[in-house]
């Protein structure tokens, strides 16, 4: 496998994940999995789901 940022060759997806965490900043990686800080202040939409009530 090849790193999309620096073209480094790694053996597999686990090695690629470790390489990304070790060698590249969050900004470089563009991690979409992490919650964006500016999104934290937005209220949740809709009513809460209550088991047995909905």
PDB file of N, CA and C in Angstrom:
ATOM      1  N   UNK A   1       0.847  -1.177   0.000  1.00  0.00           N
ATOM      2  CA  UNK A   1       0.000   0.000   0.000  1.00  0.00           C
ATOM      3  C   UNK A   1       0.887   1.233   0.000  1.00  0.00           C
ATOM      4  N   UNK A   2       0.319   2.341  -0.462  1.00  0.00           N
ATOM      5  CA  UNK A   2       1.086   3.577  -0.581  1.00  0.00           C
ATOM      6  C   UNK A   2       0.356   4.712   0.135  1.00  0.00           C
ATOM      7  N   UNK A   3       1.118   5.511   0.894  1.00  0.00           N
ATOM      8  CA  UNK A   3       0.578   6.693   1.566  1.00  0.00           C
ATOM      9  C   UNK A   3       0.208   7.727   0.507  1.00  0.00           C
ATOM     10  N   UNK A   4      -1.009   8.244   0.581  1.00  0.00           N
ATOM     11  CA  UNK A   4      -1.472   9.233  -0.386  1.00  0.00           C
ATOM     12  C   UNK A   4      -0.811  10.593  -0.191  1.00  0.00           C
ATOM     13  N   UNK A   5      -0.248  10.825   0.991  1.00  0.00           N
ATOM     14  CA  UNK A   5       0.348  12.126   1.280  1.00  0.00           C
ATOM     15  C   UNK A   5       1.812  12.186   0.850  1.00  0.00           C
ATOM     16  N   UNK A   6       2.588  11.167   1.230  1.00  0.00           N
ATOM     17  CA  UNK A   6       4.032  11.230   0.970  1.00  0.00           C
ATOM     18  C   UNK A   6       4.542  10.102   0.075  1.00  0.00           C
ATOM     19  N   UNK A   7       3.653   9.249  -0.427  1.00  0.00           N
ATOM     20  CA  UNK A   7       4.010   8.148  -1.325  1.00  0.00           C
ATOM     21  C   UNK A   7       4.890   7.077  -0.682  1.00  0.00           C
ATOM     22  N   UNK A   8       4.940   7.036   0.659  1.00  0.00           N
ATOM     23  CA  UNK A   8       5.706   5.986   1.337  1.00  0.00           C
ATOM     24  C   UNK A   8       5.004   4.643   1.123  1.00  0.00           C
ATOM     25  N   UNK A   9       5.786   3.599   0.919  1.00  0.00           N
ATOM     26  CA  UNK A   9       5.252   2.250   0.743  1.00  0.00           C
ATOM     27  C   UNK A   9       5.167   1.559   2.100  1.00  0.00           C
ATOM     28  N   UNK A  10       4.026   0.931   2.395  1.00  0.00           N
ATOM     29  CA  UNK A  10       3.846   0.149   3.622  1.00  0.00           C
ATOM     30  C   UNK A  10       3.246  -1.198   3.258  1.00  0.00           C
ATOM     31  N   UNK A  11       3.345  -2.171   4.171  1.00  0.00           N
ATOM     32  CA  UNK A  11       2.963  -3.544   3.883  1.00  0.00           C
ATOM     33  C   UNK A  11       1.452  -3.768   3.814  1.00  0.00           C
ATOM     34  N   UNK A  12       0.689  -3.111   4.698  1.00  0.00           N
ATOM     35  CA  UNK A  12      -0.748  -3.383   4.762  1.00  0.00           C
ATOM     36  C   UNK A  12      -1.497  -2.195   5.367  1.00  0.00           C
ATOM     37  N   UNK A  13      -2.805  -2.336   5.528  1.00  0.00           N
ATOM     38  CA  UNK A  13      -3.622  -1.221   6.020  1.00  0.00           C
ATOM     39  C   UNK A  13      -3.302  -0.848   7.465  1.00  0.00           C
ATOM     40  N   UNK A  14      -2.925  -1.830   8.288  1.00  0.00           N
ATOM     41  CA  UNK A  14      -2.557  -1.526   9.675  1.00  0.00           C
ATOM     42  C   UNK A  14      -1.272  -0.705   9.710  1.00  0.00           C
ATOM     43  N   UNK A  15      -0.308  -1.071   8.875  1.00  0.00           N
ATOM     44  CA  UNK A  15       0.934  -0.304   8.784  1.00  0.00           C
ATOM     45  C   UNK A  15       0.666   1.104   8.267  1.00  0.00           C
ATOM     46  N   UNK A  16      -0.252   1.221   7.318  1.00  0.00           N
ATOM     47  CA  UNK A  16      -0.600   2.534   6.778  1.00  0.00           C
ATOM     48  C   UNK A  16      -1.233   3.404   7.851  1.00  0.00           C
ATOM     49  N   UNK A  17      -2.120   2.819   8.637  1.00  0.00           N
ATOM     50  CA  UNK A  17      -2.761   3.564   9.726  1.00  0.00           C
ATOM     51  C   UNK A  17      -1.715   4.052  10.728  1.00  0.00           C
ATOM     52  N   UNK A  18      -0.787   3.179  11.115  1.00  0.00           N
ATOM     53  CA  UNK A  18       0.273   3.552  12.053  1.00  0.00           C
ATOM     54  C   UNK A  18       1.164   4.641  11.446  1.00  0.00           C
ATOM     55  N   UNK A  19       1.491   4.506  10.175  1.00  0.00           N
ATOM     56  CA  UNK A  19       2.308   5.509   9.482  1.00  0.00           C
ATOM     57  C   UNK A  19       1.610   6.867   9.506  1.00  0.00           C
ATOM     58  N   UNK A  20       0.324   6.881   9.199  1.00  0.00           N
ATOM     59  CA  UNK A  20      -0.423   8.142   9.155  1.00  0.00           C
ATOM     60  C   UNK A  20      -0.428   8.820  10.524  1.00  0.00           C
ATOM     61  N   UNK A  21      -0.656   8.028  11.581  1.00  0.00           N
ATOM     62  CA  UNK A  21      -0.698   8.593  12.928  1.00  0.00           C
ATOM     63  C   UNK A  21       0.674   9.100  13.361  1.00  0.00           C
ATOM     64  N   UNK A  22       1.717   8.418  12.952  1.00  0.00           N
ATOM     65  CA  UNK A  22       3.075   8.733  13.357  1.00  0.00           C
ATOM     66  C   UNK A  22       3.679   9.884  12.543  1.00  0.00           C
ATOM     67  N   UNK A  23       3.416   9.920  11.255  1.00  0.00           N
ATOM     68  CA  UNK A  23       4.124  10.816  10.352  1.00  0.00           C
ATOM     69  C   UNK A  23       3.356  12.055   9.899  1.00  0.00           C
ATOM     70  N   UNK A  24       2.040  12.049   9.993  1.00  0.00           N
ATOM     71  CA  UNK A  24       1.252  13.145   9.424  1.00  0.00           C
ATOM     72  C   UNK A  24       0.311  13.757  10.461  1.00  0.00           C
ATOM     73  N   UNK A  25       0.198  15.096  10.426  1.00  0.00           N
ATOM     74  CA  UNK A  25      -0.687  15.805  11.354  1.00  0.00           C
ATOM     75  C   UNK A  25      -2.149  15.570  10.975  1.00  0.00           C
ATOM     76  N   UNK A  26      -3.043  15.913  11.876  1.00  0.00           N
ATOM     77  CA  UNK A  26      -4.480  15.780  11.603  1.00  0.00           C
ATOM     78  C   UNK A  26      -4.884  16.612  10.400  1.00  0.00           C
ATOM     79  N   UNK A  27      -4.282  17.793  10.257  1.00  0.00           N
ATOM     80  CA  UNK A  27      -4.611  18.655   9.122  1.00  0.00           C
ATOM     81  C   UNK A  27      -4.206  17.999   7.804  1.00  0.00           C
ATOM     82  N   UNK A  28      -3.052  17.353   7.805  1.00  0.00           N
ATOM     83  CA  UNK A  28      -2.589  16.664   6.597  1.00  0.00           C
ATOM     84  C   UNK A  28      -3.508  15.492   6.263  1.00  0.00           C
ATOM     85  N   UNK A  29      -3.901  14.769   7.300  1.00  0.00           N
ATOM     86  CA  UNK A  29      -4.713  13.577   7.098  1.00  0.00           C
ATOM     87  C   UNK A  29      -6.146  13.911   6.715  1.00  0.00           C
ATOM     88  N   UNK A  30      -6.662  15.014   7.259  1.00  0.00           N
ATOM     89  CA  UNK A  30      -8.046  15.371   6.976  1.00  0.00           C
ATOM     90  C   UNK A  30      -9.016  14.374   7.569  1.00  0.00           C
ATOM     91  N   UNK A  31      -8.745  13.910   8.803  1.00  0.00           N
ATOM     92  CA  UNK A  31      -9.603  12.913   9.443  1.00  0.00           C
ATOM     93  C   UNK A  31     -11.032  13.408   9.552  1.00  0.00           C
ATOM     94  N   UNK A  32     -11.938  12.711   8.909  1.00  0.00           N
ATOM     95  CA  UNK A  32     -13.356  13.058   8.970  1.00  0.00           C
ATOM     96  C   UNK A  32     -14.030  12.389  10.159  1.00  0.00           C
ATOM     97  N   UNK A  33     -13.372  11.398  10.745  1.00  0.00           N
ATOM     98  CA  UNK A  33     -13.971  10.662  11.853  1.00  0.00           C
ATOM     99  C   UNK A  33     -14.050  11.498  13.123  1.00  0.00           C
ATOM    100  N   UNK A  34     -13.132  12.444  13.289  1.00  0.00           N
ATOM    101  CA  UNK A  34     -13.107  13.255  14.492  1.00  0.00           C
ATOM    102  C   UNK A  34     -14.164  14.347  14.424  1.00  0.00           C
ATOM    103  N   UNK A  35     -14.803  14.591  15.562  1.00  0.00           N
ATOM    104  CA  UNK A  35     -15.811  15.650  15.625  1.00  0.00           C
ATOM    105  C   UNK A  35     -15.122  16.998  15.537  1.00  0.00           C
ATOM    106  N   UNK A  36     -15.627  17.854  14.703  1.00  0.00           N
ATOM    107  CA  UNK A  36     -15.047  19.175  14.533  1.00  0.00           C
ATOM    108  C   UNK A  36     -15.426  20.038  15.735  1.00  0.00           C
ATOM    109  N   UNK A  37     -14.477  20.775  16.334  1.00  0.00           N
ATOM    110  CA  UNK A  37     -14.773  21.597  17.514  1.00  0.00           C
ATOM    111  C   UNK A  37     -15.894  22.596  17.285  1.00  0.00           C
ATOM    112  N   UNK A  38     -16.004  23.166  16.072  1.00  0.00           N
ATOM    113  CA  UNK A  38     -17.047  24.149  15.818  1.00  0.00           C
ATOM    114  C   UNK A  38     -18.434  23.511  15.760  1.00  0.00           C
ATOM    115  N   UNK A  39     -18.511  22.205  15.677  1.00  0.00           N
ATOM    116  CA  UNK A  39     -19.795  21.513  15.627  1.00  0.00           C
ATOM    117  C   UNK A  39     -20.341  21.227  17.030  1.00  0.00           C
ATOM    118  N   UNK A  40     -19.517  21.350  18.050  1.00  0.00           N
ATOM    119  CA  UNK A  40     -19.914  20.955  19.397  1.00  0.00           C
ATOM    120  C   UNK A  40     -20.967  21.876  19.995  1.00  0.00           C
ATOM    121  N   UNK A  41     -21.022  23.141  19.587  1.00  0.00           N
ATOM    122  CA  UNK A  41     -21.956  24.090  20.169  1.00  0.00           C
ATOM    123  C   UNK A  41     -23.342  24.051  19.522  1.00  0.00           C
ATOM    124  N   UNK A  42     -23.491  23.293  18.458  1.00  0.00           N
ATOM    125  CA  UNK A  42     -24.777  23.235  17.778  1.00  0.00           C
ATOM    126  C   UNK A  42     -25.718  22.305  18.537  1.00  0.00           C
ATOM    127  N   UNK A  43     -26.961  22.751  18.764  1.00  0.00           N
ATOM    128  CA  UNK A  43     -27.917  21.908  19.480  1.00  0.00           C
ATOM    129  C   UNK A  43     -28.308  20.690  18.633  1.00  0.00           C
ATOM    130  N   UNK A  44     -28.639  19.622  19.330  1.00  0.00           N
ATOM    131  CA  UNK A  44     -29.120  18.426  18.643  1.00  0.00           C
ATOM    132  C   UNK A  44     -30.526  18.669  18.136  1.00  0.00           C
ATOM    133  N   UNK A  45     -30.829  18.146  16.969  1.00  0.00           N
ATOM    134  CA  UNK A  45     -32.154  18.362  16.422  1.00  0.00           C
ATOM    135  C   UNK A  45     -33.084  17.224  16.831  1.00  0.00           C
ATOM    136  N   UNK A  46     -34.354  17.537  16.978  1.00  0.00           N
ATOM    137  CA  UNK A  46     -35.352  16.527  17.280  1.00  0.00           C
ATOM    138  C   UNK A  46     -35.453  16.227  18.763  1.00  0.00           C
ATOM    139  N   UNK A  47     -36.508  15.536  19.116  1.00  0.00           N
ATOM    140  CA  UNK A  47     -36.747  15.149  20.494  1.00  0.00           C
ATOM    141  C   UNK A  47     -35.880  13.944  20.848  1.00  0.00           C
ATOM    142  N   UNK A  48     -35.544  13.806  22.134  1.00  0.00           N
ATOM    143  CA  UNK A  48     -34.746  12.652  22.536  1.00  0.00           C
ATOM    144  C   UNK A  48     -35.530  11.341  22.368  1.00  0.00           C
ATOM    145  N   UNK A  49     -34.821  10.293  22.102  1.00  0.00           N
ATOM    146  CA  UNK A  49     -35.447   8.977  21.984  1.00  0.00           C
ATOM    147  C   UNK A  49     -35.433   8.324  23.352  1.00  0.00           C
ATOM    148  N   UNK A  50     -36.608   8.003  23.854  1.00  0.00           N
ATOM    149  CA  UNK A  50     -36.734   7.380  25.155  1.00  0.00           C
ATOM    150  C   UNK A  50     -37.238   5.966  24.953  1.00  0.00           C
ATOM    151  N   UNK A  51     -36.462   4.957  25.342  1.00  0.00           N
ATOM    152  CA  UNK A  51     -36.901   3.570  25.160  1.00  0.00           C
ATOM    153  C   UNK A  51     -38.253   3.323  25.827  1.00  0.00           C
ATOM    154  N   UNK A  52     -39.145   2.655  25.111  1.00  0.00           N
ATOM    155  CA  UNK A  52     -40.478   2.350  25.634  1.00  0.00           C
ATOM    156  C   UNK A  52     -41.484   3.476  25.463  1.00  0.00           C
ATOM    157  N   UNK A  53     -41.025   4.649  25.058  1.00  0.00           N
ATOM    158  CA  UNK A  53     -41.917   5.795  24.880  1.00  0.00           C
ATOM    159  C   UNK A  53     -42.111   6.132  23.404  1.00  0.00           C
ATOM    160  N   UNK A  54     -41.118   5.818  22.561  1.00  0.00           N
ATOM    161  CA  UNK A  54     -41.195   6.188  21.142  1.00  0.00           C
ATOM    162  C   UNK A  54     -41.668   5.012  20.331  1.00  0.00           C
TER     163      UNK A  54
END
